Each structure stands twice: as C-alpha cells, then as structure tokens.
Amino acid sequence: MSRLDDLIAELCPDGVEFKRLGGIDGICEVLSSGVDKVLVKNERPVKLCNYMDVYNNQYITAELISGFMDGSVNDSEYQKFVLRAGQVLLTKDSETREDIAQSAYVLKDFDDVVCGYHLAVLTPISNIDGKYLNYVLQSNTTRRYFSRMANGVSRFGLKLKSIENALIPVPPLPVQQEIVRILDKFTMLEAELEAELEAELEARKKQYDYYRDELLTFSDNVVRKMLGEVCKFKYGYTNKAKDYGNARFIRITDINENGKLRHGDEKFVNIKGDDNDYLLRNGDLLVARTGATFGKTLLFDEKVKACYASFLIRIRFIDNNILPSYYWHFAQSRYYWQQASLLVSNSGGQPQFNANVLSKVRIPLPPLAKQKRIVAILDRFDTLVNDITQGLPAEIAARRRQYEYYRDKLLTFKEVI
C-alpha cells in the first residue's frame, strides 16, 4: 500500500466528512468580492491582484501580479482586502459557465497587494490546508457544481450563498498534506511535459504561418478580384439565443481564435419559413463585423441545421472559380489582415467591418487545381497545430485529461455516515 493508503486506512477508514465551504459551519471565511475602484482614497499605494492573475496561475506570487490601482486605498480597506499566505482566490464571474470559479493559492503575505473586485477570497479557518482546498476547487466535481450554480446570460456570476454552500471533502490534515505532496510533484512533472509540447506547438505554428504566406504569394500574372465581385453578402438573424430551438444559433463568441466553430454551450433559435434564408449551407463563410474580433472568419462545414447572428456577415460565393476552403485559408493570412486593418472603420469606439468594407478585400485567384493543392497542404498544417482531435493540441489535451483523472481520483472520498 502507498503512504496515502496507509494514512486513509489509519485515520479515516470509514470515510470523511463533507463540509460547507463557508457560512457559520464552514471551513473558510468567504469575502465575496475584492476591492472596487470606487473605494480609492489617497493614503497608501497598492498593487491589484486581478481576474487574469488567478485565471492563468496555480499560485499567486509577487512576480505574477499584473495590475495596479489608479490611486490607493485607506488603511481599513487595505487590511480587509490585502492578500495573506494560505488564502485561496476564486474567480466569481466569467463569460462562460465552463470558465467560472478558477482558483489560485496565495503563497506569501503581501504588504502592497489587494484582491480585485471580480475575485472572492477564501481564508481557511478549520482543519483545512489551503493548497489542498485549491486542488479540490479545481477538481471536476467542484467545478461542475459552480457551473450549475452560475447565473447569467451573456456573463455568468456566482452569489455568495452558492460559494458558501459548496461541499468539500475534509479528510484529516495528514491525508490532505500527503495529497498535496503527491499532486505538487505530479503538477510539476505535468507542467514540464506540457511546456515541451507547447514549445513544439509554437514552433509548428510559426512554420504554418510561414508556409501559408509563401503559398499565397503570387506573381502579378495571377488574377485578383475584389471579394464583392465573386460573392453575395447577407447580414445575420436578429433574435435572442435560447437553450432550445430547431436551429443552432452561431454568434461571434462561437468562433474561436483559429477561425473554427466552438463546441459546447451551444445556443439555439426557432427558424420559421420566412427566415429560412438565414440557414447555413456547407461552404458558407461567416465574418465578424464588429468589436475586437472584427474580420475573424469561419468556414461552415457542420452536419447540423444552423443560422447566424446579426453581428456576423455571411459570404456565399457566386463565382465557381474560388473554393470556400481556399478563401478561408486566405482569410487567416497576413495578406488578408493587412487589408482588413486598413479598411476597418471605428464608430462609437468599436471597430466596424461591414459588407461594404469587406467587399473591397482583394483576393488572388490562381486556377482551381492550384487552389486545391494549397488547401490540401494548409489543411494538414492546420490539423497539426489547431485540431483538438489530432496533432499536438490533441496530445496536450490528452496530458491534461490524464492529470485531471489522477487528481480527481486522489480527491474522491467516501462520505462518512
């Protein structure tokens, strides 16, 4: 038997207690939010631990703090929000249910760092190791609970009661500490392996970018046309996204940074006869027309009934001399983005990339046979660096799943009766 098995057999053979995270009988004091900038005074300068510091990190150290207050806070507010060793920080809101309640452990006392408004602060008070608690909060069981408890439509949040009511398995401290020792070691090894894969993936992405731009570089003899000459545009459908309906409703947020359709958290609408023109066909392309992600382009090739939202523009080619897949690769290239950056306008503080502007994008049009060869080569690169079911992203994802399985297995206990 392992040392952990021995400790469990000795100290909690019949199971462990599950206790509430906060509240009168909870294992932590829960501060439901950090400092709001409306509390700014002019007495004592401080740094700000913000949402992304927690979202991106397992631990909070001085080197990781990225935010600063515009001013400073007075002593009473400073003491309330200052970070102390052993605390765990929790993100209490997010753009998606899946991302809510990320956590990080505070490694040391700080004299000049306060917790930001979008974070909850958990201070262990009763037989709970903060590092152990951080691992439990990251487990799939606890994260599923917080995902269910999140409220919202376009942005999701957790109420104080939902945080406090989370049930946490609390074995004796020696068991907690042994689990922390095992997971710390496993986390370090996992991080090293993942860093190697990430470095290889980054090198492959640079190689992909290079070859894509090389393949899309043509002599002056190649025909070039404006996009408006070879396609028809149609703005998207205005409706409210719902959890159920007869067609998937694709929004800007459903297109990831690689120009692929996200899966998970799908939304729907009910399409009737008069709205059928908003239904997508395989080979249609969707372009984000406003906001920070303007110009982002998706090639639709799904076997589902779907329509698209009003902040997207549909491109449907009327010229048979251009492949939709060729244009999609072109729309990821620097030649496309150089034009998009020059053509976009700013209205009301938001970039606008409407159909009139999009129509002016110039595309090189080599013969179809050459387009097909370019697509075949770039598809292979795209699979290697972007496909979550194959290639390097799949290997990274498999490593993470292996780690999560092992972590969750260590954190699974029988509840004592």
Protein backbone atom coordinates (compact mmCIF):
# COMPACT_ATOMS: atom_id res chain seq x y z
CA MET A 1 0.00 0.00 0.00
CA SER A 2 1.12 3.59 -0.60
CA ARG A 3 1.68 6.06 2.23
CA LEU A 4 -1.63 7.73 1.31
CA ASP A 5 -3.49 4.43 1.51
CA ASP A 6 -1.90 3.77 4.91
CA LEU A 7 -2.97 7.18 6.21
CA ILE A 8 -6.53 6.75 4.97
CA ALA A 9 -6.75 3.25 6.48
CA GLU A 10 -5.46 4.59 9.80
CA LEU A 11 -7.18 7.97 10.09
CA CYS A 12 -10.43 7.75 8.11
CA PRO A 13 -11.21 4.11 7.23
CA ASP A 14 -14.98 4.72 7.27
CA GLY A 15 -14.93 7.82 5.05
CA VAL A 16 -14.52 11.56 5.51
CA GLU A 17 -16.78 14.47 6.40
CA PHE A 18 -18.03 16.78 3.67
CA LYS A 19 -18.28 20.36 4.94
CA ARG A 20 -19.61 23.61 3.56
CA LEU A 21 -17.02 25.96 2.12
CA GLY A 22 -18.33 28.98 4.03
CA GLY A 23 -21.03 30.18 6.39
CA ILE A 24 -21.43 29.57 10.13
CA ASP A 25 -20.29 25.94 9.96
CA GLY A 26 -17.94 26.39 7.00
CA ILE A 27 -14.25 25.67 6.68
CA CYS A 28 -13.42 29.16 5.37
CA GLU A 29 -14.23 32.78 5.86
CA VAL A 30 -15.53 33.93 2.47
CA LEU A 31 -15.12 37.50 1.29
CA SER A 32 -17.44 37.67 -1.69
CA SER A 33 -15.51 40.31 -3.61
CA GLY A 34 -12.28 42.25 -3.56
CA VAL A 35 -11.62 45.97 -3.76
CA ASP A 36 -13.80 48.09 -6.02
CA LYS A 37 -12.06 51.07 -7.60
CA VAL A 38 -14.80 53.34 -6.25
CA LEU A 39 -13.13 52.83 -2.85
CA VAL A 40 -9.97 54.58 -3.97
CA LYS A 41 -8.51 57.06 -1.43
CA ASN A 42 -5.22 58.91 -1.29
CA GLU A 43 -3.27 57.38 1.52
CA ARG A 44 -1.42 54.16 0.75
CA PRO A 45 -0.31 52.89 -2.69
CA VAL A 46 -1.12 49.27 -3.60
CA LYS A 47 -1.00 46.79 -6.45
CA LEU A 48 -4.06 44.90 -7.62
CA CYS A 49 -4.37 41.11 -8.00
CA ASN A 50 -6.89 40.81 -10.79
CA TYR A 51 -9.02 38.20 -12.54
CA MET A 52 -6.37 37.11 -15.05
CA ASP A 53 -3.72 36.66 -12.33
CA VAL A 54 -5.93 33.93 -10.88
CA TYR A 55 -7.25 32.58 -14.18
CA ASN A 56 -3.74 31.94 -15.55
CA ASN A 57 -1.92 30.66 -12.46
CA GLN A 58 -1.92 27.89 -9.87
CA TYR A 59 -0.20 30.09 -7.27
CA ILE A 60 -0.07 33.83 -6.58
CA THR A 61 3.43 35.26 -6.18
CA ALA A 62 4.75 38.83 -6.33
CA GLU A 63 6.14 38.27 -9.83
CA LEU A 64 2.71 37.34 -11.21
CA ILE A 65 0.77 40.43 -10.07
CA SER A 66 -0.03 42.37 -13.23
CA GLY A 67 -2.48 45.07 -12.10
CA PHE A 68 -2.13 48.43 -10.38
CA MET A 69 -4.61 50.69 -8.66
CA ASP A 70 -5.05 54.12 -10.23
CA GLY A 71 -4.70 55.57 -6.76
CA SER A 72 -4.54 53.91 -3.35
CA VAL A 73 -6.82 52.73 -0.53
CA ASN A 74 -7.06 53.79 3.08
CA ASP A 75 -5.81 51.55 5.91
CA SER A 76 -9.13 49.94 6.93
CA GLU A 77 -10.00 48.98 3.35
CA TYR A 78 -6.41 47.92 2.72
CA GLN A 79 -6.43 45.48 5.63
CA LYS A 80 -9.74 43.98 4.54
CA PHE A 81 -8.57 43.15 1.03
CA VAL A 82 -4.84 42.56 1.46
CA LEU A 83 -3.59 39.10 0.41
CA ARG A 84 -2.30 36.71 3.08
CA ALA A 85 -0.43 33.42 2.81
CA GLY A 86 -2.74 30.40 2.78
CA GLN A 87 -5.72 32.16 1.23
CA VAL A 88 -7.34 30.85 -1.94
CA LEU A 89 -8.71 33.26 -4.57
CA LEU A 90 -11.72 32.34 -6.70
CA THR A 91 -12.98 34.00 -9.88
CA LYS A 92 -16.66 34.63 -9.22
CA ASP A 93 -17.77 35.63 -12.72
CA SER A 94 -16.94 34.73 -16.31
CA GLU A 95 -18.14 34.96 -19.91
CA THR A 96 -18.95 31.22 -19.92
CA ARG A 97 -20.19 28.73 -17.33
CA GLU A 98 -17.24 26.46 -18.02
CA ASP A 99 -14.66 29.11 -17.09
CA ILE A 100 -16.22 30.25 -13.84
CA ALA A 101 -14.61 29.58 -10.42
CA GLN A 102 -10.96 29.29 -11.38
CA SER A 103 -8.76 29.31 -8.28
CA ALA A 104 -5.22 30.10 -7.14
CA TYR A 105 -3.37 29.70 -3.83
CA VAL A 106 -1.60 32.69 -2.20
CA LEU A 107 1.96 31.62 -1.36
CA LYS A 108 3.04 34.51 0.91
CA ASP A 109 1.87 37.53 2.90
CA PHE A 110 1.82 40.74 0.89
CA ASP A 111 2.23 44.29 2.16
CA ASP A 112 1.15 46.03 -1.02
CA VAL A 113 -1.29 43.76 -2.93
CA VAL A 114 -5.09 43.76 -2.66
CA CYS A 115 -7.65 41.43 -4.21
CA GLY A 116 -9.63 42.73 -7.20
CA TYR A 117 -13.40 43.15 -7.35
CA HIS A 118 -14.03 40.12 -9.60
CA LEU A 119 -12.48 37.70 -7.10
CA ALA A 120 -13.72 36.03 -3.93
CA VAL A 121 -11.25 35.47 -1.08
CA LEU A 122 -11.34 32.20 0.89
CA THR A 123 -9.45 32.19 4.20
CA PRO A 124 -9.18 28.67 5.75
CA ILE A 125 -10.20 28.60 9.44
CA SER A 126 -10.79 24.97 10.40
CA ASN A 127 -8.58 21.93 9.75
CA ILE A 128 -8.14 22.69 6.08
CA ASP A 129 -4.89 23.03 4.18
CA GLY A 130 -5.12 25.90 1.67
CA LYS A 131 -3.19 24.03 -1.04
CA TYR A 132 -5.45 21.02 -0.61
CA LEU A 133 -8.50 23.28 -0.86
CA ASN A 134 -7.13 24.80 -4.06
CA TYR A 135 -6.82 21.34 -5.63
CA VAL A 136 -10.37 20.42 -4.55
CA LEU A 137 -11.73 23.63 -6.09
CA GLN A 138 -10.01 22.70 -9.36
CA SER A 139 -11.49 19.19 -9.41
CA ASN A 140 -14.17 18.41 -11.97
CA THR A 141 -16.75 17.63 -9.29
CA THR A 142 -16.46 21.04 -7.64
CA ARG A 143 -16.24 22.88 -10.94
CA ARG A 144 -19.42 21.18 -12.18
CA TYR A 145 -21.17 22.38 -9.02
CA PHE A 146 -20.12 26.00 -9.58
CA SER A 147 -21.07 25.78 -13.25
CA ARG A 148 -24.59 24.69 -12.26
CA MET A 149 -24.86 27.49 -9.69
CA ALA A 150 -23.74 30.27 -12.06
CA ASN A 151 -26.42 32.77 -13.08
CA GLY A 152 -26.49 34.92 -16.20
CA VAL A 153 -26.99 35.11 -19.95
CA SER A 154 -24.07 36.84 -21.69
CA ARG A 155 -21.97 36.87 -18.50
CA PHE A 156 -22.22 34.48 -15.55
CA GLY A 157 -21.73 35.08 -11.84
CA LEU A 158 -21.78 33.27 -8.51
CA LYS A 159 -23.67 34.53 -5.49
CA LEU A 160 -22.11 34.40 -2.03
CA LYS A 161 -24.51 31.65 -0.90
CA SER A 162 -23.60 29.44 -3.85
CA ILE A 163 -19.91 29.75 -2.98
CA GLU A 164 -20.51 29.07 0.71
CA ASN A 165 -22.74 26.04 0.04
CA ALA A 166 -20.12 24.12 -1.97
CA LEU A 167 -19.43 20.83 -0.17
CA ILE A 168 -15.76 20.00 0.32
CA PRO A 169 -14.36 16.59 1.42
CA VAL A 170 -12.27 17.23 4.54
CA PRO A 171 -10.06 14.26 5.48
CA PRO A 172 -7.62 14.60 8.44
CA LEU A 173 -4.78 17.08 7.86
CA PRO A 174 -2.06 14.40 7.35
CA VAL A 175 -4.15 12.96 4.49
CA GLN A 176 -4.63 16.42 2.97
CA GLN A 177 -0.91 17.15 3.19
CA GLU A 178 0.06 13.84 1.57
CA ILE A 179 -2.36 14.51 -1.31
CA VAL A 180 -0.80 17.97 -1.72
CA ARG A 181 2.70 16.44 -1.78
CA ILE A 182 1.69 13.94 -4.49
CA LEU A 183 -0.18 16.48 -6.63
CA ASP A 184 2.54 19.12 -6.31
CA LYS A 185 5.06 16.64 -7.68
CA PHE A 186 2.71 15.45 -10.40
CA THR A 187 1.80 19.06 -11.31
CA MET A 188 5.48 19.96 -11.70
CA LEU A 189 6.13 16.98 -14.00
CA GLU A 190 2.99 17.70 -15.96
CA ALA A 191 3.98 21.36 -16.37
CA GLU A 192 7.41 20.36 -17.71
CA LEU A 193 5.93 17.93 -20.25
CA GLU A 194 3.28 20.42 -21.30
CA ALA A 195 5.87 23.20 -21.68
CA GLU A 196 7.84 21.00 -24.09
CA LEU A 197 4.71 20.29 -26.14
CA GLU A 198 3.68 23.96 -26.09
CA ALA A 199 7.15 24.97 -27.33
CA GLU A 200 6.90 22.47 -30.18
CA LEU A 201 3.38 23.67 -30.98
CA GLU A 202 4.55 27.29 -31.09
CA ALA A 203 7.36 26.35 -33.49
CA ARG A 204 4.88 24.48 -35.70
CA LYS A 205 2.52 27.49 -35.72
CA LYS A 206 5.32 29.76 -36.91
CA GLN A 207 6.15 27.22 -39.59
CA TYR A 208 2.45 27.08 -40.58
CA ASP A 209 2.23 30.90 -40.80
CA TYR A 210 5.37 31.00 -42.93
CA TYR A 211 4.23 28.35 -45.42
CA ARG A 212 0.71 29.77 -45.64
CA ASP A 213 2.07 33.18 -46.60
CA GLU A 214 4.54 31.59 -49.03
CA LEU A 215 1.81 29.54 -50.71
CA LEU A 216 -0.42 32.60 -51.00
CA THR A 217 2.28 34.75 -52.60
CA PHE A 218 1.68 35.01 -56.35
CA SER A 219 3.18 36.79 -59.31
CA ASP A 220 1.44 39.71 -60.99
CA ASN A 221 0.13 37.30 -63.65
CA VAL A 222 -2.40 35.78 -61.21
CA VAL A 223 -5.91 37.22 -61.44
CA ARG A 224 -7.02 39.30 -58.44
CA LYS A 225 -10.60 40.24 -57.72
CA MET A 226 -12.40 42.14 -55.02
CA LEU A 227 -14.49 39.95 -52.75
CA GLY A 228 -17.65 41.85 -53.71
CA GLU A 229 -17.21 40.68 -57.31
CA VAL A 230 -17.32 36.97 -56.50
CA CYS A 231 -19.86 36.56 -53.68
CA LYS A 232 -23.05 37.76 -52.09
CA PHE A 233 -23.23 39.09 -48.53
CA LYS A 234 -26.05 38.76 -46.03
CA TYR A 235 -26.23 40.14 -42.50
CA GLY A 236 -27.28 37.77 -39.73
CA TYR A 237 -30.53 36.99 -37.96
CA THR A 238 -31.70 39.20 -35.09
CA ASN A 239 -33.11 37.08 -32.29
CA LYS A 240 -32.44 36.08 -28.69
CA ALA A 241 -30.30 32.98 -28.18
CA LYS A 242 -32.12 30.20 -26.30
CA ASP A 243 -31.22 26.86 -24.76
CA TYR A 244 -33.57 25.04 -27.14
CA GLY A 245 -34.75 25.53 -30.72
CA ASN A 246 -34.81 23.97 -34.18
CA ALA A 247 -31.52 25.53 -35.37
CA ARG A 248 -28.18 26.21 -33.77
CA PHE A 249 -27.57 29.96 -33.40
CA ILE A 250 -23.95 30.82 -34.24
CA ARG A 251 -22.66 34.01 -32.61
CA ILE A 252 -19.32 35.84 -32.76
CA THR A 253 -18.31 34.18 -29.49
CA ASP A 254 -18.85 30.75 -31.08
CA ILE A 255 -15.90 31.31 -33.41
CA ASN A 256 -12.56 30.64 -31.74
CA GLU A 257 -9.26 32.45 -32.30
CA ASN A 258 -8.33 29.94 -35.03
CA GLY A 259 -11.48 30.58 -37.09
CA LYS A 260 -13.14 27.30 -36.00
CA LEU A 261 -16.58 26.68 -34.54
CA ARG A 262 -16.60 26.12 -30.79
CA HIS A 263 -18.49 23.13 -29.43
CA GLY A 264 -20.09 23.24 -26.01
CA ASP A 265 -22.55 25.81 -24.62
CA GLU A 266 -24.43 25.85 -27.94
CA LYS A 267 -27.42 28.19 -28.23
CA PHE A 268 -30.46 27.83 -30.47
CA VAL A 269 -33.37 29.69 -32.09
CA ASN A 270 -36.58 28.65 -33.77
CA ILE A 271 -36.41 29.29 -37.52
CA LYS A 272 -39.70 29.57 -39.42
CA GLY A 273 -40.38 29.57 -43.15
CA ASP A 274 -39.81 33.28 -43.70
CA ASP A 275 -36.39 33.03 -42.02
CA ASN A 276 -35.03 30.08 -43.99
CA ASP A 277 -32.68 32.34 -45.93
CA TYR A 278 -30.61 32.64 -42.74
CA LEU A 279 -29.91 28.91 -42.71
CA LEU A 280 -26.32 28.00 -43.49
CA ARG A 281 -25.06 25.68 -46.21
CA ASN A 282 -21.77 23.83 -46.16
CA GLY A 283 -19.23 26.12 -47.77
CA ASP A 284 -20.74 29.34 -46.41
CA LEU A 285 -18.32 31.63 -44.59
CA LEU A 286 -19.13 33.88 -41.62
CA VAL A 287 -17.23 37.06 -40.80
CA ALA A 288 -17.34 39.03 -37.54
CA ARG A 289 -18.27 42.59 -38.44
CA THR A 290 -17.79 44.46 -35.18
CA GLY A 291 -15.80 44.52 -31.96
CA ALA A 292 -12.27 43.41 -31.12
CA THR A 293 -12.61 40.25 -33.24
CA PHE A 294 -13.70 42.03 -36.45
CA GLY A 295 -12.68 40.17 -39.59
CA LYS A 296 -12.47 36.77 -37.90
CA THR A 297 -13.71 34.21 -40.45
CA LEU A 298 -15.37 30.81 -40.06
CA LEU A 299 -15.90 28.18 -42.79
CA PHE A 300 -19.16 26.37 -42.04
CA ASP A 301 -18.90 22.63 -42.68
CA GLU A 302 -21.14 21.15 -39.99
CA LYS A 303 -23.86 18.49 -40.38
CA VAL A 304 -26.34 20.47 -38.29
CA LYS A 305 -29.15 22.90 -39.02
CA ALA A 306 -27.78 26.33 -38.14
CA CYS A 307 -28.26 30.04 -38.67
CA TYR A 308 -26.11 33.00 -37.68
CA ALA A 309 -26.49 36.10 -35.51
CA SER A 310 -26.72 39.74 -36.57
CA PHE A 311 -23.10 40.70 -35.80
CA LEU A 312 -21.92 38.24 -38.46
CA ILE A 313 -21.90 38.57 -42.25
CA ARG A 314 -22.44 35.53 -44.45
CA ILE A 315 -20.27 35.12 -47.56
CA ARG A 316 -21.71 32.85 -50.25
CA PHE A 317 -19.69 32.56 -53.46
CA ILE A 318 -21.39 33.04 -56.83
CA ASP A 319 -18.15 32.55 -58.77
CA ASN A 320 -17.22 28.90 -59.32
CA ASN A 321 -13.56 29.83 -59.72
CA ILE A 322 -12.95 30.16 -55.99
CA LEU A 323 -13.04 27.42 -53.35
CA PRO A 324 -14.56 28.42 -49.98
CA SER A 325 -11.78 26.48 -48.22
CA TYR A 326 -9.15 28.41 -50.20
CA TYR A 327 -10.72 31.71 -49.19
CA TRP A 328 -10.84 30.58 -45.53
CA HIS A 329 -7.09 29.94 -45.56
CA PHE A 330 -6.57 33.29 -47.27
CA ALA A 331 -8.64 34.96 -44.51
CA GLN A 332 -6.15 33.66 -41.91
CA SER A 333 -3.14 35.07 -43.75
CA ARG A 334 -1.25 38.32 -43.23
CA TYR A 335 -2.33 39.47 -46.72
CA TYR A 336 -5.94 39.45 -45.60
CA TRP A 337 -5.27 41.05 -42.22
CA GLN A 338 -3.16 43.82 -43.74
CA GLN A 339 -6.16 44.79 -45.87
CA ALA A 340 -8.67 44.35 -43.04
CA SER A 341 -6.68 46.63 -40.73
CA LEU A 342 -6.60 49.38 -43.37
CA LEU A 343 -10.26 49.04 -44.36
CA VAL A 344 -11.88 48.81 -40.91
CA SER A 345 -13.55 51.93 -39.53
CA ASN A 346 -14.17 52.95 -35.93
CA SER A 347 -17.64 54.08 -34.99
CA GLY A 348 -18.68 54.72 -31.42
CA GLY A 349 -15.34 53.37 -30.21
CA GLN A 350 -15.92 49.96 -31.82
CA PRO A 351 -14.22 48.65 -34.99
CA GLN A 352 -16.76 48.23 -37.80
CA PHE A 353 -16.19 45.85 -40.70
CA ASN A 354 -19.41 45.96 -42.70
CA ALA A 355 -20.25 44.37 -46.04
CA ASN A 356 -19.30 47.48 -47.98
CA VAL A 357 -15.82 47.41 -46.46
CA LEU A 358 -15.49 43.63 -46.76
CA SER A 359 -16.38 43.78 -50.45
CA LYS A 360 -13.14 45.72 -51.13
CA VAL A 361 -10.82 42.93 -49.93
CA ARG A 362 -8.72 41.81 -52.90
CA ILE A 363 -8.12 38.07 -53.36
CA PRO A 364 -5.55 36.35 -55.59
CA LEU A 365 -7.32 33.69 -57.68
CA PRO A 366 -4.99 31.05 -59.09
CA PRO A 367 -6.54 28.17 -61.12
CA LEU A 368 -8.78 25.78 -59.16
CA ALA A 369 -6.23 22.95 -59.38
CA LYS A 370 -3.67 25.13 -57.63
CA GLN A 371 -6.21 26.27 -55.04
CA LYS A 372 -6.89 22.60 -54.26
CA ARG A 373 -3.17 21.86 -53.80
CA ILE A 374 -2.77 24.87 -51.50
CA VAL A 375 -5.79 23.80 -49.43
CA ALA A 376 -4.51 20.22 -49.12
CA ILE A 377 -1.12 21.39 -47.79
CA LEU A 378 -2.54 24.01 -45.42
CA ASP A 379 -5.23 21.65 -44.14
CA ARG A 380 -2.50 19.28 -42.97
CA PHE A 381 -0.71 22.10 -41.15
CA ASP A 382 -3.98 23.29 -39.65
CA THR A 383 -4.76 19.82 -38.33
CA LEU A 384 -1.31 19.56 -36.76
CA VAL A 385 -1.45 22.88 -34.90
CA ASN A 386 -5.16 23.54 -34.33
CA ASP A 387 -7.22 20.34 -34.43
CA ILE A 388 -8.19 19.30 -30.89
CA THR A 389 -8.82 15.71 -32.04
CA GLN A 390 -5.46 15.21 -33.76
CA GLY A 391 -1.94 16.59 -33.77
CA LEU A 392 -0.17 18.48 -30.99
CA PRO A 393 -3.29 20.09 -29.45
CA ALA A 394 -4.75 16.59 -29.02
CA GLU A 395 -1.58 15.38 -27.29
CA ILE A 396 -1.61 18.39 -24.95
CA ALA A 397 -5.30 17.81 -24.22
CA ALA A 398 -4.62 14.12 -23.51
CA ARG A 399 -1.89 15.06 -21.00
CA ARG A 400 -4.29 17.41 -19.24
CA ARG A 401 -7.03 14.78 -19.10
CA GLN A 402 -4.58 12.27 -17.63
CA TYR A 403 -3.58 14.77 -14.95
CA GLU A 404 -7.22 15.67 -14.18
CA TYR A 405 -8.16 11.99 -13.90
CA TYR A 406 -5.35 11.30 -11.44
CA ARG A 407 -6.09 14.46 -9.43
CA ASP A 408 -9.82 13.72 -9.21
CA LYS A 409 -9.14 10.10 -8.22
CA LEU A 410 -6.99 11.29 -5.29
CA LEU A 411 -9.72 13.75 -4.23
CA THR A 412 -12.57 11.25 -4.32
CA PHE A 413 -13.67 10.04 -0.88
CA LYS A 414 -16.47 8.03 0.61
CA GLU A 415 -18.61 10.27 2.80
CA VAL A 416 -18.70 9.17 6.44
CA ILE A 417 -22.16 8.46 7.81
